[in-house]
Amino acid sequence: MHVVVNHLYLRDPITGAIVQAAQDGVQLMVDEGAISAHVAEVDETHLILVLMFATAEEADRIAREVGGPWMVKHMVPLLARDTERSVGDVIASAP
């Protein structure tokens, strides 16, 4: 498995519209082939997006075709700074 973790730092506090956009986005990622997708609220302006994929290739495909365009349209305008992105292979896991 392959994981992608994005730290999203918002200019303004999280609203219901942002929560709905996040829900729509994670559902889209799963519909397009992600194993799972989650958004965690760290504080009122900091979200963490965690995406799991079967392979690095699948993660790259979905990022290019779906995730990247979705982020540019729905999240980038809300950000206070660039996204912090980490990617890697899962080396330990439990259901």
N, C-alpha and C. Protein backbone atom coordinates (compact mmCIF):
# COMPACT_ATOMS: atom_id res chain seq x y z
N MET A 1 0.83 -1.18 0.00
CA MET A 1 0.00 0.00 0.00
C MET A 1 0.88 1.24 0.00
N HIS A 2 0.26 2.32 -0.44
CA HIS A 2 0.94 3.61 -0.55
C HIS A 2 0.08 4.67 0.13
N VAL A 3 0.71 5.55 0.90
CA VAL A 3 -0.03 6.58 1.62
C VAL A 3 0.42 7.97 1.17
N VAL A 4 -0.56 8.87 1.11
CA VAL A 4 -0.30 10.28 0.83
C VAL A 4 -0.90 11.07 1.98
N VAL A 5 -0.10 11.95 2.57
CA VAL A 5 -0.57 12.78 3.68
C VAL A 5 -0.34 14.24 3.30
N ASN A 6 -1.42 15.01 3.33
CA ASN A 6 -1.34 16.44 3.01
C ASN A 6 -1.79 17.25 4.22
N HIS A 7 -0.96 18.19 4.64
CA HIS A 7 -1.34 19.15 5.68
C HIS A 7 -1.88 20.38 4.95
N LEU A 8 -3.11 20.76 5.26
CA LEU A 8 -3.76 21.89 4.63
C LEU A 8 -3.96 22.97 5.68
N TYR A 9 -3.36 24.13 5.46
CA TYR A 9 -3.46 25.24 6.39
C TYR A 9 -4.36 26.30 5.78
N LEU A 10 -5.52 26.51 6.37
CA LEU A 10 -6.52 27.42 5.83
C LEU A 10 -6.30 28.85 6.29
N ARG A 11 -6.70 29.81 5.45
CA ARG A 11 -6.64 31.23 5.82
C ARG A 11 -7.63 31.56 6.92
N ASP A 12 -8.82 30.95 6.82
CA ASP A 12 -9.91 31.25 7.75
C ASP A 12 -10.35 29.96 8.44
N PRO A 13 -11.08 30.06 9.55
CA PRO A 13 -11.56 28.88 10.26
C PRO A 13 -12.46 28.00 9.38
N ILE A 14 -12.44 26.73 9.70
CA ILE A 14 -13.24 25.74 8.99
C ILE A 14 -14.72 26.08 9.12
N THR A 15 -15.42 25.96 8.00
CA THR A 15 -16.87 26.19 7.96
C THR A 15 -17.57 24.91 7.53
N GLY A 16 -18.88 24.91 7.62
CA GLY A 16 -19.66 23.78 7.12
C GLY A 16 -19.43 23.54 5.65
N ALA A 17 -19.25 24.60 4.88
CA ALA A 17 -18.99 24.46 3.44
C ALA A 17 -17.66 23.75 3.20
N ILE A 18 -16.66 24.04 4.01
CA ILE A 18 -15.36 23.38 3.87
C ILE A 18 -15.48 21.90 4.24
N VAL A 19 -16.21 21.62 5.30
CA VAL A 19 -16.42 20.22 5.69
C VAL A 19 -17.13 19.46 4.57
N GLN A 20 -18.14 20.06 3.96
CA GLN A 20 -18.85 19.41 2.86
C GLN A 20 -17.93 19.21 1.66
N ALA A 21 -17.12 20.20 1.35
CA ALA A 21 -16.17 20.08 0.24
C ALA A 21 -15.18 18.95 0.52
N ALA A 22 -14.72 18.84 1.76
CA ALA A 22 -13.81 17.76 2.14
C ALA A 22 -14.49 16.41 1.97
N GLN A 23 -15.73 16.30 2.42
CA GLN A 23 -16.47 15.04 2.27
C GLN A 23 -16.63 14.67 0.80
N ASP A 24 -16.99 15.65 -0.02
CA ASP A 24 -17.13 15.40 -1.45
C ASP A 24 -15.80 14.96 -2.06
N GLY A 25 -14.71 15.60 -1.64
CA GLY A 25 -13.40 15.27 -2.17
C GLY A 25 -12.94 13.88 -1.80
N VAL A 26 -13.11 13.49 -0.53
CA VAL A 26 -12.66 12.15 -0.15
C VAL A 26 -13.53 11.08 -0.82
N GLN A 27 -14.82 11.36 -0.98
CA GLN A 27 -15.67 10.40 -1.68
C GLN A 27 -15.24 10.24 -3.13
N LEU A 28 -14.89 11.35 -3.77
CA LEU A 28 -14.40 11.31 -5.15
C LEU A 28 -13.14 10.47 -5.25
N MET A 29 -12.20 10.65 -4.30
CA MET A 29 -10.96 9.87 -4.34
C MET A 29 -11.24 8.37 -4.24
N VAL A 30 -12.14 7.99 -3.36
CA VAL A 30 -12.49 6.57 -3.21
C VAL A 30 -13.21 6.07 -4.45
N ASP A 31 -14.12 6.88 -4.99
CA ASP A 31 -14.82 6.48 -6.22
C ASP A 31 -13.85 6.26 -7.37
N GLU A 32 -12.75 7.00 -7.36
CA GLU A 32 -11.76 6.89 -8.44
C GLU A 32 -10.70 5.82 -8.19
N GLY A 33 -10.73 5.18 -7.01
CA GLY A 33 -9.82 4.07 -6.81
C GLY A 33 -8.98 4.07 -5.55
N ALA A 34 -9.04 5.11 -4.75
CA ALA A 34 -8.31 5.10 -3.48
C ALA A 34 -8.89 4.02 -2.57
N ILE A 35 -8.05 3.39 -1.78
CA ILE A 35 -8.52 2.41 -0.80
C ILE A 35 -9.33 3.11 0.29
N SER A 36 -8.81 4.25 0.76
CA SER A 36 -9.52 5.03 1.76
C SER A 36 -9.06 6.48 1.68
N ALA A 37 -9.88 7.35 2.24
CA ALA A 37 -9.56 8.78 2.25
C ALA A 37 -10.19 9.38 3.50
N HIS A 38 -9.41 10.18 4.22
CA HIS A 38 -9.87 10.75 5.48
C HIS A 38 -9.36 12.18 5.59
N VAL A 39 -10.15 13.02 6.25
CA VAL A 39 -9.71 14.37 6.60
C VAL A 39 -9.86 14.52 8.10
N ALA A 40 -8.78 14.92 8.76
CA ALA A 40 -8.80 15.16 10.20
C ALA A 40 -8.65 16.64 10.47
N GLU A 41 -9.37 17.13 11.47
CA GLU A 41 -9.27 18.52 11.90
C GLU A 41 -8.28 18.61 13.06
N VAL A 42 -7.15 19.25 12.84
CA VAL A 42 -6.15 19.44 13.89
C VAL A 42 -6.55 20.62 14.76
N ASP A 43 -6.89 21.72 14.10
CA ASP A 43 -7.44 22.88 14.79
C ASP A 43 -8.31 23.62 13.78
N GLU A 44 -8.77 24.81 14.12
CA GLU A 44 -9.77 25.47 13.27
C GLU A 44 -9.25 25.90 11.90
N THR A 45 -7.94 25.88 11.69
CA THR A 45 -7.40 26.24 10.37
C THR A 45 -6.42 25.20 9.82
N HIS A 46 -6.34 24.04 10.42
CA HIS A 46 -5.38 23.02 10.00
C HIS A 46 -6.10 21.69 9.81
N LEU A 47 -6.07 21.20 8.58
CA LEU A 47 -6.64 19.90 8.24
C LEU A 47 -5.54 18.97 7.77
N ILE A 48 -5.72 17.67 7.99
CA ILE A 48 -4.81 16.67 7.45
C ILE A 48 -5.62 15.73 6.58
N LEU A 49 -5.21 15.60 5.33
CA LEU A 49 -5.82 14.69 4.37
C LEU A 49 -4.95 13.45 4.28
N VAL A 50 -5.52 12.27 4.53
CA VAL A 50 -4.79 11.01 4.49
C VAL A 50 -5.45 10.12 3.44
N LEU A 51 -4.68 9.73 2.44
CA LEU A 51 -5.17 8.90 1.34
C LEU A 51 -4.37 7.62 1.26
N MET A 52 -5.06 6.50 1.10
CA MET A 52 -4.40 5.20 0.95
C MET A 52 -4.69 4.65 -0.44
N PHE A 53 -3.65 4.12 -1.08
CA PHE A 53 -3.77 3.56 -2.42
C PHE A 53 -3.11 2.19 -2.47
N ALA A 54 -3.52 1.39 -3.44
CA ALA A 54 -2.94 0.06 -3.59
C ALA A 54 -1.46 0.15 -4.00
N THR A 55 -1.14 1.11 -4.86
CA THR A 55 0.22 1.25 -5.37
C THR A 55 0.58 2.73 -5.53
N ALA A 56 1.87 3.00 -5.65
CA ALA A 56 2.33 4.36 -5.91
C ALA A 56 1.83 4.84 -7.27
N GLU A 57 1.78 3.94 -8.23
CA GLU A 57 1.30 4.29 -9.57
C GLU A 57 -0.16 4.73 -9.53
N GLU A 58 -0.96 4.03 -8.75
CA GLU A 58 -2.37 4.39 -8.62
C GLU A 58 -2.50 5.75 -7.93
N ALA A 59 -1.68 6.00 -6.93
CA ALA A 59 -1.69 7.30 -6.26
C ALA A 59 -1.33 8.41 -7.24
N ASP A 60 -0.31 8.19 -8.06
CA ASP A 60 0.10 9.19 -9.04
C ASP A 60 -0.99 9.44 -10.07
N ARG A 61 -1.63 8.38 -10.55
CA ARG A 61 -2.70 8.51 -11.55
C ARG A 61 -3.86 9.33 -10.99
N ILE A 62 -4.31 8.98 -9.81
CA ILE A 62 -5.45 9.68 -9.23
C ILE A 62 -5.08 11.13 -8.90
N ALA A 63 -3.87 11.37 -8.44
CA ALA A 63 -3.43 12.74 -8.17
C ALA A 63 -3.46 13.58 -9.44
N ARG A 64 -2.96 13.03 -10.51
CA ARG A 64 -2.91 13.74 -11.79
C ARG A 64 -4.29 13.98 -12.38
N GLU A 65 -5.09 12.93 -12.42
CA GLU A 65 -6.37 12.97 -13.14
C GLU A 65 -7.52 13.54 -12.32
N VAL A 66 -7.48 13.37 -11.00
CA VAL A 66 -8.64 13.71 -10.18
C VAL A 66 -8.27 14.63 -9.01
N GLY A 67 -7.38 14.18 -8.15
CA GLY A 67 -7.08 14.90 -6.92
C GLY A 67 -6.50 16.27 -7.14
N GLY A 68 -5.52 16.37 -8.00
CA GLY A 68 -4.89 17.67 -8.27
C GLY A 68 -5.89 18.70 -8.78
N PRO A 69 -6.63 18.36 -9.86
CA PRO A 69 -7.63 19.31 -10.35
C PRO A 69 -8.69 19.66 -9.30
N TRP A 70 -9.11 18.68 -8.50
CA TRP A 70 -10.11 18.95 -7.47
C TRP A 70 -9.55 19.91 -6.42
N MET A 71 -8.31 19.67 -6.00
CA MET A 71 -7.68 20.54 -5.00
C MET A 71 -7.56 21.97 -5.51
N VAL A 72 -7.12 22.14 -6.76
CA VAL A 72 -6.96 23.47 -7.33
C VAL A 72 -8.29 24.22 -7.33
N LYS A 73 -9.36 23.53 -7.64
CA LYS A 73 -10.67 24.17 -7.73
C LYS A 73 -11.28 24.45 -6.36
N HIS A 74 -11.18 23.49 -5.43
CA HIS A 74 -11.93 23.58 -4.19
C HIS A 74 -11.14 23.97 -2.95
N MET A 75 -9.86 23.65 -2.89
CA MET A 75 -9.12 23.89 -1.65
C MET A 75 -8.03 24.96 -1.77
N VAL A 76 -7.31 24.98 -2.85
CA VAL A 76 -6.20 25.92 -2.99
C VAL A 76 -6.64 27.37 -2.73
N PRO A 77 -7.82 27.80 -3.22
CA PRO A 77 -8.22 29.18 -2.93
C PRO A 77 -8.42 29.48 -1.44
N LEU A 78 -8.57 28.45 -0.63
CA LEU A 78 -8.81 28.63 0.81
C LEU A 78 -7.54 28.58 1.64
N LEU A 79 -6.42 28.21 1.02
CA LEU A 79 -5.20 27.96 1.78
C LEU A 79 -4.42 29.22 2.10
N ALA A 80 -3.83 29.22 3.29
CA ALA A 80 -2.97 30.31 3.73
C ALA A 80 -1.54 30.15 3.21
N ARG A 81 -1.18 28.91 2.90
CA ARG A 81 0.17 28.64 2.40
C ARG A 81 0.15 27.32 1.63
N ASP A 82 1.29 26.97 1.06
CA ASP A 82 1.38 25.74 0.29
C ASP A 82 1.07 24.52 1.16
N THR A 83 0.56 23.51 0.52
CA THR A 83 0.28 22.24 1.18
C THR A 83 1.59 21.54 1.51
N GLU A 84 1.67 20.93 2.68
CA GLU A 84 2.81 20.08 3.03
C GLU A 84 2.40 18.66 2.68
N ARG A 85 3.13 18.02 1.76
CA ARG A 85 2.75 16.71 1.25
C ARG A 85 3.86 15.70 1.53
N SER A 86 3.45 14.56 2.08
CA SER A 86 4.37 13.45 2.31
C SER A 86 3.77 12.21 1.67
N VAL A 87 4.62 11.39 1.07
CA VAL A 87 4.17 10.15 0.44
C VAL A 87 5.11 9.02 0.83
N GLY A 88 4.59 7.80 0.86
CA GLY A 88 5.45 6.67 1.16
C GLY A 88 4.73 5.36 1.12
N ASP A 89 5.51 4.30 1.15
CA ASP A 89 4.96 2.96 1.21
C ASP A 89 4.64 2.62 2.65
N VAL A 90 3.52 1.96 2.85
CA VAL A 90 3.12 1.52 4.18
C VAL A 90 3.99 0.33 4.57
N ILE A 91 4.63 0.40 5.73
CA ILE A 91 5.49 -0.70 6.17
C ILE A 91 4.91 -1.48 7.34
N ALA A 92 3.84 -0.94 7.95
CA ALA A 92 3.14 -1.65 9.03
C ALA A 92 1.69 -1.19 9.01
N SER A 93 0.78 -2.11 9.27
CA SER A 93 -0.63 -1.77 9.21
C SER A 93 -1.45 -2.77 10.02
N ALA A 94 -2.62 -2.34 10.48
CA ALA A 94 -3.58 -3.22 11.14
C ALA A 94 -4.96 -2.75 10.76
N PRO A 95 -5.89 -3.68 10.54
CA PRO A 95 -7.25 -3.25 10.16
C PRO A 95 -8.00 -2.63 11.33
